[in-house]
């Protein structure tokens, strides 16, 4: 009996030892736990992949939206239109995004109207990550998607030299024309002349014109370079006027600081004034066409100086727009660096063809021509010519000889003829010209001239016609923003 139980105990002990040594059950348990971990990891990877896709789609949609809204602002759209455009672009671009549990992304226009921003947040559900809470994990049920972005206006890479050729003739006194022009020009200056000019610069020159262009101190400091194209002596001019009373009363006339057109072979070039003389105006006493009080301001990045000059403009006299165009060109011409020196010295034309790594120009030279009427005033020997057009003062102001720079193709329209020739020559040098007509009474001939002067006239993208003050301001703003580019910042 005892042997029986001893034998049983021996068999039990051997079986227990075999069970203790057998690891097949442990493998199963470990395998099961490993599968669970792998499944959780795979689930997390799936959720992360979904989140990454949704995040990228959301950010792309936000970027496209703020740029779209910013472009609306650039082209003169209202805040409401810009926000609507941004929202429309966003909604369209998130259609192919993974489903989200919430989306509060919205768009706003900056207070200065020079950019847009996105705010709010979108979130995507992560059900597989949420399952980890049953195994001691954090149980993340949703993840946020990036949504913040801003689109701002900034000057394009490279420098810019701008010449504003502004009409300050007597007709600008009508209604609020002069005030509207001042506001529009000031807005362009504020937009174009940026604060940080350490890497690239933005300079603006002002060329106000009426019957002539007042060159100020330049008439004294470079007397030998700037004098009448006929080399006459200041203070000893004797003219015959078409008006008999004027002929009898006037004997000699003093030179002014106003410039008239250049004559001779260089009349339509930007040749240095050291070798090609520029005409000066000999105004008639009591004339309705005095030398304008507003003077040329050479290229400068001094915003206060520019804004102060614009604010002080007064309107008087007839329209010698071709002289304004000529001096607008001179202000941008490197051939005039002996006259416009230091900060005001125009850069070389060769800079216009230099490109940065992205193919953008390193320098742009831009002229903006604005007028509210026909060009009607041309000169003979520094005095308004006999064949100048209507509105140029008539017999009381006209000398008894026709314009020196005239053309049979444009009889009685010498100013228009010269303006067209100067614009063509400027564009051939690589200068971009924008032109703006202002007012409801601009004649078809004036519109044709402005279109012709503008860069790529066949496309019409550089020509504007504004009949109201608001439209004029928008034209200047559109030109200023075309000088700038949109960029994303975060």
Protein backbone atom coordinates (compact mmCIF):
# COMPACT_ATOMS: atom_id res chain seq x y z
CA UNK A 1 0.00 0.00 0.00
CA UNK A 2 2.71 2.39 0.90
CA UNK A 3 4.54 1.50 -2.31
CA UNK A 4 1.43 2.44 -4.28
CA UNK A 5 1.29 5.94 -2.86
CA UNK A 6 4.98 6.36 -3.26
CA UNK A 7 4.68 5.44 -6.90
CA UNK A 8 1.76 7.92 -7.33
CA UNK A 9 3.69 10.71 -5.65
CA UNK A 10 6.62 10.09 -7.93
CA UNK A 11 4.46 10.33 -11.05
CA UNK A 12 2.84 13.56 -9.78
CA UNK A 13 6.21 15.13 -9.04
CA UNK A 14 7.53 14.29 -12.48
CA UNK A 15 4.37 15.75 -14.11
CA UNK A 16 4.62 18.93 -12.07
CA UNK A 17 8.23 19.37 -13.03
CA UNK A 18 7.36 18.82 -16.70
CA UNK A 19 4.56 21.44 -16.46
CA UNK A 20 6.91 23.84 -14.75
CA UNK A 21 9.43 23.45 -17.54
CA UNK A 22 6.84 23.77 -20.39
CA UNK A 23 6.77 27.43 -21.80
CA UNK A 24 4.12 26.90 -24.48
CA UNK A 25 1.45 28.76 -22.48
CA UNK A 26 3.78 31.76 -21.88
CA UNK A 27 4.44 32.11 -25.56
CA UNK A 28 0.74 32.33 -26.21
CA UNK A 29 0.27 34.98 -23.57
CA UNK A 30 3.24 37.01 -24.78
CA UNK A 31 2.07 36.61 -28.36
CA UNK A 32 -1.37 37.83 -27.43
CA UNK A 33 -0.01 40.86 -25.64
CA UNK A 34 2.35 41.59 -28.55
CA UNK A 35 -0.49 41.45 -31.05
CA UNK A 36 -2.42 43.92 -28.93
CA UNK A 37 0.53 46.30 -28.80
CA UNK A 38 1.05 45.98 -32.55
CA UNK A 39 -2.60 46.65 -33.19
CA UNK A 40 -2.52 49.72 -30.97
CA UNK A 41 0.64 50.94 -32.69
CA UNK A 42 -0.90 50.34 -36.10
CA UNK A 43 -4.03 52.17 -35.00
CA UNK A 44 -1.98 55.05 -33.72
CA UNK A 45 -0.10 55.14 -37.03
CA UNK A 46 -3.35 55.18 -38.94
CA UNK A 47 -4.70 58.02 -36.79
CA UNK A 48 -1.44 59.92 -37.13
CA UNK A 49 -1.49 59.45 -40.90
CA UNK A 50 -5.05 60.75 -41.04
CA UNK A 51 -4.09 63.72 -38.88
CA UNK A 52 -1.03 64.50 -41.01
CA UNK A 53 -3.08 64.42 -44.20
CA UNK A 54 -5.81 66.59 -42.72
CA UNK A 55 -3.29 69.02 -41.24
CA UNK A 56 -1.51 69.49 -44.57
CA UNK A 57 -4.78 69.94 -46.43
CA UNK A 58 -5.96 72.46 -43.85
CA UNK A 59 -2.76 74.47 -44.00
CA UNK A 60 -2.74 74.45 -47.80
CA UNK A 61 -6.36 75.61 -47.80
CA UNK A 62 -5.63 78.39 -45.31
CA UNK A 63 -2.60 79.59 -47.29
CA UNK A 64 -4.57 79.65 -50.53
CA UNK A 65 -7.44 81.44 -48.83
CA UNK A 66 -5.45 84.29 -47.29
CA UNK A 67 -3.58 84.81 -50.55
CA UNK A 68 -6.85 84.91 -52.46
CA UNK A 69 -8.29 87.43 -50.04
CA UNK A 70 -5.11 89.47 -50.14
CA UNK A 71 -5.25 89.60 -53.92
CA UNK A 72 -8.80 90.99 -53.74
CA UNK A 73 -7.49 93.78 -51.51
CA UNK A 74 -4.59 94.39 -53.90
CA UNK A 75 -6.96 94.94 -56.79
CA UNK A 76 -9.25 97.29 -54.88
CA UNK A 77 -11.87 94.98 -53.45
CA UNK A 78 -13.67 95.72 -50.21
CA UNK A 79 -12.97 94.03 -46.89
CA UNK A 80 -16.20 92.06 -47.23
CA UNK A 81 -15.23 90.87 -50.72
CA UNK A 82 -11.77 89.85 -49.53
CA UNK A 83 -13.17 87.85 -46.61
CA UNK A 84 -15.75 86.20 -48.86
CA UNK A 85 -13.07 85.24 -51.37
CA UNK A 86 -10.88 83.79 -48.64
CA UNK A 87 -13.72 81.75 -47.20
CA UNK A 88 -14.72 80.48 -50.63
CA UNK A 89 -11.17 79.36 -51.41
CA UNK A 90 -10.90 77.67 -48.03
CA UNK A 91 -14.20 75.78 -48.37
CA UNK A 92 -13.30 74.60 -51.84
CA UNK A 93 -9.82 73.41 -50.84
CA UNK A 94 -10.93 71.38 -47.81
CA UNK A 95 -13.49 69.32 -49.71
CA UNK A 96 -10.97 66.51 -50.19
CA UNK A 97 -9.74 66.65 -46.62
CA UNK A 98 -10.41 63.88 -44.07
CA UNK A 99 -13.62 64.48 -42.13
CA UNK A 100 -13.12 66.70 -39.09
CA UNK A 101 -15.15 66.94 -35.91
CA UNK A 102 -14.94 70.74 -35.75
CA UNK A 103 -13.72 73.65 -37.88
CA UNK A 104 -13.81 77.25 -36.64
CA UNK A 105 -11.27 78.67 -39.11
CA UNK A 106 -12.23 82.21 -40.19
CA UNK A 107 -10.58 85.12 -41.98
CA UNK A 108 -10.05 88.80 -41.23
CA UNK A 109 -8.55 91.86 -42.92
CA UNK A 110 -5.75 93.71 -41.19
CA UNK A 111 -6.56 97.19 -39.89
CA UNK A 112 -4.21 98.81 -42.42
CA UNK A 113 -5.83 96.91 -45.33
CA UNK A 114 -2.43 95.52 -46.29
CA UNK A 115 -2.96 91.90 -45.41
CA UNK A 116 -5.23 89.15 -44.18
CA UNK A 117 -5.05 86.64 -41.37
CA UNK A 118 -6.66 83.32 -40.46
CA UNK A 119 -7.72 82.36 -36.96
CA UNK A 120 -9.63 79.55 -35.33
CA UNK A 121 -8.92 75.82 -35.32
CA UNK A 122 -9.95 72.57 -36.95
CA UNK A 123 -9.83 69.17 -35.19
CA UNK A 124 -9.87 65.59 -36.43
CA UNK A 125 -11.09 62.54 -34.46
CA UNK A 126 -8.58 59.82 -33.49
CA UNK A 127 -10.72 56.79 -32.41
CA UNK A 128 -7.86 54.31 -32.39
CA UNK A 129 -5.73 56.53 -30.19
CA UNK A 130 -8.74 56.99 -27.94
CA UNK A 131 -8.79 53.20 -27.37
CA UNK A 132 -5.45 53.40 -25.55
CA UNK A 133 -7.17 54.67 -22.40
CA UNK A 134 -8.28 51.10 -21.69
CA UNK A 135 -4.64 50.11 -21.43
CA UNK A 136 -3.37 52.93 -19.32
CA UNK A 137 -2.79 55.37 -22.21
CA UNK A 138 -3.90 58.95 -22.50
CA UNK A 139 -6.88 58.10 -24.67
CA UNK A 140 -6.55 60.96 -27.19
CA UNK A 141 -9.89 61.22 -29.00
CA UNK A 142 -9.05 64.17 -31.31
CA UNK A 143 -6.07 66.21 -32.47
CA UNK A 144 -5.87 69.89 -33.54
CA UNK A 145 -4.89 70.87 -37.06
CA UNK A 146 -2.70 73.92 -37.75
CA UNK A 147 -4.66 76.84 -39.11
CA UNK A 148 -2.88 80.08 -38.35
CA UNK A 149 -1.52 82.10 -41.30
CA UNK A 150 -1.15 85.66 -42.50
CA UNK A 151 -0.78 87.11 -45.96
CA UNK A 152 0.84 90.52 -46.13
CA UNK A 153 1.76 92.94 -48.89
CA UNK A 154 5.45 93.62 -49.26
CA UNK A 155 7.56 95.22 -51.92
CA UNK A 156 8.81 92.70 -54.40
CA UNK A 157 12.38 91.57 -54.05
CA UNK A 158 14.68 94.16 -55.59
CA UNK A 159 14.73 97.94 -55.54
CA UNK A 160 12.40 100.43 -57.17
CA UNK A 161 12.74 104.01 -58.42
CA UNK A 162 9.43 105.76 -59.04
CA UNK A 163 8.73 109.10 -60.70
CA UNK A 164 5.29 110.64 -60.06
CA UNK A 165 4.40 113.07 -62.87
CA UNK A 166 1.46 114.99 -61.43
CA UNK A 167 -0.92 117.48 -63.03
CA UNK A 168 -1.27 120.72 -61.00
CA UNK A 169 -2.87 122.81 -63.75
CA UNK A 170 -5.69 125.31 -63.20
CA UNK A 171 -8.41 122.79 -64.07
CA UNK A 172 -7.38 120.77 -61.03
CA UNK A 173 -9.06 123.49 -58.93
CA UNK A 174 -12.46 122.20 -60.01
CA UNK A 175 -14.36 120.52 -57.21
CA UNK A 176 -12.12 118.28 -55.10
CA UNK A 177 -9.75 117.25 -57.90
CA UNK A 178 -6.60 118.65 -56.33
CA UNK A 179 -7.44 117.22 -52.90
CA UNK A 180 -8.23 113.84 -54.46
CA UNK A 181 -4.93 113.81 -56.33
CA UNK A 182 -3.00 114.74 -53.19
CA UNK A 183 -4.65 111.93 -51.22
CA UNK A 184 -4.06 109.39 -53.99
CA UNK A 185 -0.39 110.33 -54.48
CA UNK A 186 0.23 110.32 -50.71
CA UNK A 187 -1.29 106.85 -50.46
CA UNK A 188 1.05 105.57 -53.16
CA UNK A 189 4.06 107.05 -51.36
CA UNK A 190 2.99 105.44 -48.08
CA UNK A 191 2.58 102.08 -49.80
CA UNK A 192 5.72 102.11 -51.93
CA UNK A 193 8.31 103.64 -49.58
CA UNK A 194 8.75 100.84 -47.05
CA UNK A 195 10.51 101.21 -43.72
CA UNK A 196 13.34 98.67 -43.91
CA UNK A 197 15.59 99.66 -46.82
CA UNK A 198 18.71 97.89 -45.58
CA UNK A 199 18.70 95.29 -48.38
CA UNK A 200 16.57 96.86 -51.12
CA UNK A 201 15.49 100.46 -51.51
CA UNK A 202 12.39 102.30 -52.66
CA UNK A 203 12.75 105.90 -53.79
CA UNK A 204 10.18 108.29 -55.23
CA UNK A 205 10.65 111.50 -57.24
CA UNK A 206 7.93 114.14 -57.63
CA UNK A 207 7.49 116.05 -60.89
CA UNK A 208 4.49 118.41 -60.63
CA UNK A 209 3.77 120.18 -63.90
CA UNK A 210 1.50 122.83 -65.36
CA UNK A 211 2.61 125.25 -68.12
CA UNK A 212 6.18 124.23 -67.27
CA UNK A 213 8.17 122.38 -64.59
CA UNK A 214 9.78 124.29 -61.72
CA UNK A 215 13.28 122.84 -61.24
CA UNK A 216 14.03 125.10 -58.28
CA UNK A 217 17.66 125.39 -57.19
CA UNK A 218 18.80 123.35 -60.18
CA UNK A 219 18.28 126.41 -62.35
CA UNK A 220 20.92 128.23 -60.27
CA UNK A 221 23.35 125.49 -59.32
CA UNK A 222 23.72 124.16 -62.87
CA UNK A 223 23.13 127.38 -64.79
CA UNK A 224 25.70 126.40 -67.40
CA UNK A 225 23.91 123.11 -68.02
CA UNK A 226 20.32 124.27 -67.89
CA UNK A 227 19.56 127.30 -70.01
CA UNK A 228 17.58 128.16 -73.07
CA UNK A 229 18.02 125.81 -75.96
CA UNK A 230 18.75 128.86 -78.13
CA UNK A 231 21.54 130.00 -75.76
CA UNK A 232 19.91 133.41 -75.20
CA UNK A 233 20.94 135.62 -72.29
CA UNK A 234 18.56 135.79 -69.29
CA UNK A 235 17.12 139.25 -68.69
CA UNK A 236 17.57 140.51 -72.24
CA UNK A 237 14.82 138.74 -74.16
CA UNK A 238 12.71 140.77 -76.58
CA UNK A 239 9.67 139.04 -78.02
CA UNK A 240 6.88 139.85 -80.42
CA UNK A 241 3.53 138.62 -79.14
CA UNK A 242 0.44 137.93 -81.16
CA UNK A 243 -1.43 140.42 -78.99
CA UNK A 244 -0.75 144.02 -80.08
CA UNK A 245 -1.10 145.53 -76.61
CA UNK A 246 1.29 142.94 -75.18
CA UNK A 247 3.84 143.65 -77.91
CA UNK A 248 3.84 147.35 -77.03
CA UNK A 249 3.96 146.89 -73.26
CA UNK A 250 6.59 144.16 -72.90
CA UNK A 251 10.23 144.69 -73.75
CA UNK A 252 12.41 142.35 -71.74
CA UNK A 253 11.73 139.43 -69.44
CA UNK A 254 13.52 137.81 -66.53
CA UNK A 255 14.38 134.16 -66.53
CA UNK A 256 12.46 131.85 -64.17
CA UNK A 257 13.33 128.58 -62.48
CA UNK A 258 10.86 126.76 -64.74
CA UNK A 259 12.06 124.46 -67.50
CA UNK A 260 10.65 124.12 -70.98
CA UNK A 261 11.37 121.50 -73.61
CA UNK A 262 14.77 120.63 -75.00
CA UNK A 263 15.34 121.36 -78.68
CA UNK A 264 17.77 120.00 -81.23
CA UNK A 265 18.88 116.43 -81.95
CA UNK A 266 18.55 115.36 -78.28
CA UNK A 267 15.02 116.70 -77.83
CA UNK A 268 13.57 113.24 -77.20
CA UNK A 269 16.46 111.65 -75.32
CA UNK A 270 17.76 111.65 -71.75
CA UNK A 271 21.19 112.84 -72.82
CA UNK A 272 23.17 114.55 -70.04
CA UNK A 273 22.37 118.28 -69.79
CA UNK A 274 26.08 119.03 -69.85
CA UNK A 275 26.03 118.41 -73.59
CA UNK A 276 22.36 118.97 -74.47
CA UNK A 277 20.84 122.16 -73.10
CA UNK A 278 17.38 122.26 -71.55
CA UNK A 279 15.10 125.20 -72.18
CA UNK A 280 14.04 127.67 -69.49
CA UNK A 281 10.78 129.56 -69.30
CA UNK A 282 10.61 133.34 -69.70
CA UNK A 283 7.18 134.04 -68.21
CA UNK A 284 5.11 137.04 -69.19
CA UNK A 285 4.24 139.47 -66.41
CA UNK A 286 0.66 138.98 -65.25
CA UNK A 287 0.29 135.79 -67.27
CA UNK A 288 -2.33 133.17 -66.44
CA UNK A 289 0.50 130.69 -66.91
CA UNK A 290 3.01 131.49 -64.18
CA UNK A 291 5.94 129.29 -63.22
CA UNK A 292 4.34 126.75 -60.81
CA UNK A 293 5.27 127.19 -57.16
CA UNK A 294 5.66 123.41 -56.62
CA UNK A 295 9.15 122.21 -57.44
CA UNK A 296 10.69 118.94 -58.58
CA UNK A 297 11.70 116.63 -55.75
CA UNK A 298 14.48 114.26 -56.92
CA UNK A 299 14.50 110.59 -55.93
CA UNK A 300 14.35 110.16 -52.18
CA UNK A 301 13.27 107.64 -49.55
CA UNK A 302 12.38 110.48 -47.17
CA UNK A 303 8.66 109.85 -46.86
CA UNK A 304 7.99 112.99 -44.81
CA UNK A 305 9.66 115.17 -47.44
CA UNK A 306 7.53 113.63 -50.18
CA UNK A 307 4.27 113.88 -48.25
CA UNK A 308 4.93 117.50 -47.25
CA UNK A 309 5.64 118.48 -50.86
CA UNK A 310 2.43 116.85 -52.08
CA UNK A 311 0.35 118.48 -49.35
CA UNK A 312 1.55 121.96 -50.43
CA UNK A 313 0.61 121.68 -54.10
CA UNK A 314 -1.39 124.56 -55.59
CA UNK A 315 -3.08 124.51 -58.98
CA UNK A 316 -2.64 127.10 -61.75
CA UNK A 317 -1.81 127.37 -65.42
CA UNK A 318 -2.19 125.33 -68.61
CA UNK A 319 -0.94 121.85 -69.50
CA UNK A 320 2.56 121.20 -70.85
CA UNK A 321 2.44 117.50 -70.04
CA UNK A 322 5.37 116.67 -72.31
CA UNK A 323 7.67 118.75 -70.11
CA UNK A 324 6.45 116.83 -67.07
CA UNK A 325 7.17 113.55 -68.87
CA UNK A 326 10.65 114.72 -69.85
CA UNK A 327 11.58 115.65 -66.29
CA UNK A 328 9.97 112.49 -64.95
CA UNK A 329 12.38 110.63 -67.22
CA UNK A 330 15.36 112.76 -66.23
CA UNK A 331 14.68 112.00 -62.55
CA UNK A 332 15.11 108.28 -63.36
CA UNK A 333 17.96 108.59 -65.83
CA UNK A 334 21.53 107.68 -64.82
CA UNK A 335 22.67 110.20 -67.45
CA UNK A 336 21.47 112.91 -65.08
CA UNK A 337 23.50 111.74 -62.09
CA UNK A 338 25.64 114.88 -62.37
CA UNK A 339 22.51 116.89 -61.57
CA UNK A 340 20.69 114.49 -59.25
CA UNK A 341 23.48 113.45 -56.93
CA UNK A 342 23.92 111.47 -53.69
CA UNK A 343 20.77 109.66 -52.58
CA UNK A 344 18.92 111.14 -55.57
CA UNK A 345 21.29 109.72 -58.17
CA UNK A 346 19.39 107.27 -60.43
CA UNK A 347 20.88 103.79 -60.75
CA UNK A 348 22.32 102.48 -63.98
CA UNK A 349 19.98 101.10 -66.64
CA UNK A 350 22.02 97.88 -66.56
CA UNK A 351 20.46 97.09 -63.19
CA UNK A 352 17.09 96.65 -64.91
CA UNK A 353 18.24 93.43 -66.56
CA UNK A 354 19.85 91.89 -63.49
CA UNK A 355 17.79 89.10 -61.89
CA UNK A 356 17.74 87.47 -58.48
CA UNK A 357 17.77 83.72 -57.92
CA UNK A 358 14.02 83.52 -58.55
CA UNK A 359 14.22 85.50 -61.78
CA UNK A 360 12.79 88.72 -60.34
CA UNK A 361 14.36 92.03 -61.46
CA UNK A 362 16.88 93.56 -59.06
CA UNK A 363 15.67 97.06 -59.99
CA UNK A 364 12.58 98.57 -61.59
CA UNK A 365 12.25 102.14 -62.85
CA UNK A 366 8.61 103.24 -62.97
CA UNK A 367 6.95 106.47 -64.12
CA UNK A 368 3.34 107.30 -63.17
CA UNK A 369 1.77 109.98 -65.41
CA UNK A 370 -1.46 111.63 -64.30
CA UNK A 371 -3.50 114.37 -66.04
CA UNK A 372 -7.05 115.69 -66.11
CA UNK A 373 -6.96 117.09 -69.64
CA UNK A 374 -5.31 117.56 -73.01
CA UNK A 375 -1.70 118.60 -73.38
CA UNK A 376 -2.03 122.03 -74.94
CA UNK A 377 1.11 124.09 -74.21
CA UNK A 378 4.38 124.11 -76.18
CA UNK A 379 7.18 126.66 -76.48
CA UNK A 380 9.19 128.78 -78.84
CA UNK A 381 12.31 130.40 -77.33
CA UNK A 382 11.07 129.84 -73.80
CA UNK A 383 7.65 131.48 -74.32
CA UNK A 384 4.33 129.76 -75.09
CA UNK A 385 4.18 129.18 -78.85
CA UNK A 386 1.66 130.78 -81.21
CA UNK A 387 0.25 127.39 -82.27
CA UNK A 388 -0.35 126.05 -78.76
CA UNK A 389 -3.81 124.61 -78.21
CA UNK A 390 -6.97 125.92 -76.63
CA UNK A 391 -6.65 126.66 -72.94
CA UNK A 392 -2.97 127.64 -73.15
CA UNK A 393 -3.54 131.35 -72.53
CA UNK A 394 -4.25 132.71 -76.00
CA UNK A 395 -2.83 135.82 -77.62
CA UNK A 396 -1.98 137.49 -74.31
CA UNK A 397 0.59 134.81 -73.50
CA UNK A 398 1.66 133.51 -76.94
CA UNK A 399 4.87 134.50 -78.70
CA UNK A 400 4.63 135.23 -82.42
CA UNK A 401 6.30 131.96 -83.52
CA UNK A 402 5.17 128.36 -83.63
CA UNK A 403 6.51 125.60 -81.38
CA UNK A 404 10.11 124.72 -82.12
CA UNK A 405 9.42 121.00 -81.65
CA UNK A 406 6.40 120.61 -83.88
CA UNK A 407 5.18 118.01 -86.35
CA UNK A 408 2.92 118.19 -89.39
CA UNK A 409 1.40 114.94 -88.15
CA UNK A 410 0.04 116.75 -85.09
CA UNK A 411 -0.79 120.31 -86.26
CA UNK A 412 -1.38 122.58 -83.28
CA UNK A 413 -0.73 119.64 -80.93
CA UNK A 414 3.01 119.88 -80.42
CA UNK A 415 2.77 118.99 -76.72
CA UNK A 416 0.97 115.74 -77.56
CA UNK A 417 3.46 114.93 -80.30
CA UNK A 418 6.42 115.47 -77.99
CA UNK A 419 4.76 113.48 -75.20
CA UNK A 420 4.28 110.45 -77.42
CA UNK A 421 7.89 110.57 -78.61
CA UNK A 422 9.25 110.90 -75.07
CA UNK A 423 7.09 108.03 -73.77
CA UNK A 424 8.28 105.73 -76.55
CA UNK A 425 11.91 106.62 -75.82
CA UNK A 426 11.45 106.04 -72.09
CA UNK A 427 9.92 102.62 -72.61
CA UNK A 428 12.74 101.68 -74.95
CA UNK A 429 15.12 102.20 -72.02
CA UNK A 430 13.16 99.71 -69.91
CA UNK A 431 11.15 102.21 -67.85
CA UNK A 432 7.62 101.04 -66.99
CA UNK A 433 4.97 103.73 -67.52
CA UNK A 434 1.55 103.83 -65.89
CA UNK A 435 -0.87 106.53 -67.08
CA UNK A 436 -4.03 107.88 -65.44
CA UNK A 437 -6.72 110.13 -66.88
CA UNK A 438 -8.85 111.95 -64.31
CA UNK A 439 -12.25 113.52 -64.73
CA UNK A 440 -15.38 113.04 -66.79
CA UNK A 441 -14.34 115.62 -69.41
CA UNK A 442 -11.12 114.02 -70.64
CA UNK A 443 -11.18 114.24 -74.44
CA UNK A 444 -10.70 111.23 -76.68
CA UNK A 445 -7.37 112.64 -77.95
CA UNK A 446 -6.08 112.81 -74.37
CA UNK A 447 -7.24 109.27 -73.67
CA UNK A 448 -5.51 108.05 -76.81
CA UNK A 449 -2.28 109.75 -75.72
CA UNK A 450 -2.42 108.21 -72.23
CA UNK A 451 -3.05 104.74 -73.63
CA UNK A 452 -0.16 105.16 -76.05
CA UNK A 453 2.20 106.34 -73.31
CA UNK A 454 1.44 103.41 -71.02
CA UNK A 455 3.58 100.27 -71.11
CA UNK A 456 2.16 97.55 -73.39
CA UNK A 457 -0.70 99.77 -74.63
CA UNK A 458 -2.23 96.88 -76.56
CA UNK A 459 -2.98 95.12 -73.26
CA UNK A 460 -4.32 98.17 -71.44
CA UNK A 461 -3.05 96.94 -68.06
CA UNK A 462 -1.04 100.10 -67.34
CA UNK A 463 -3.69 102.64 -68.32
CA UNK A 464 -6.45 103.93 -66.02
CA UNK A 465 -9.39 106.24 -66.49
CA UNK A 466 -10.89 107.66 -63.27
CA UNK A 467 -13.96 109.90 -63.26
CA UNK A 468 -14.30 110.30 -59.48
CA UNK A 469 -11.95 110.93 -56.58
CA UNK A 470 -12.48 107.43 -55.25
CA UNK A 471 -11.61 105.94 -58.63
CA UNK A 472 -8.45 108.05 -58.80
CA UNK A 473 -7.38 106.87 -55.36
CA UNK A 474 -8.06 103.29 -56.39
CA UNK A 475 -5.99 103.69 -59.57
CA UNK A 476 -3.01 104.96 -57.58
CA UNK A 477 -3.47 102.19 -55.00
CA UNK A 478 -3.65 99.53 -57.70
CA UNK A 479 -0.43 100.83 -59.24
CA UNK A 480 1.26 100.88 -55.84
CA UNK A 481 0.19 97.31 -55.14
CA UNK A 482 1.36 96.16 -58.56
CA UNK A 483 4.77 97.30 -57.44
CA UNK A 484 4.38 94.99 -54.45
CA UNK A 485 3.88 91.26 -53.95
CA UNK A 486 1.99 89.02 -51.56
CA UNK A 487 3.83 86.78 -49.18
CA UNK A 488 2.84 84.43 -46.38
CA UNK A 489 4.04 85.05 -42.85
CA UNK A 490 3.33 83.13 -39.66
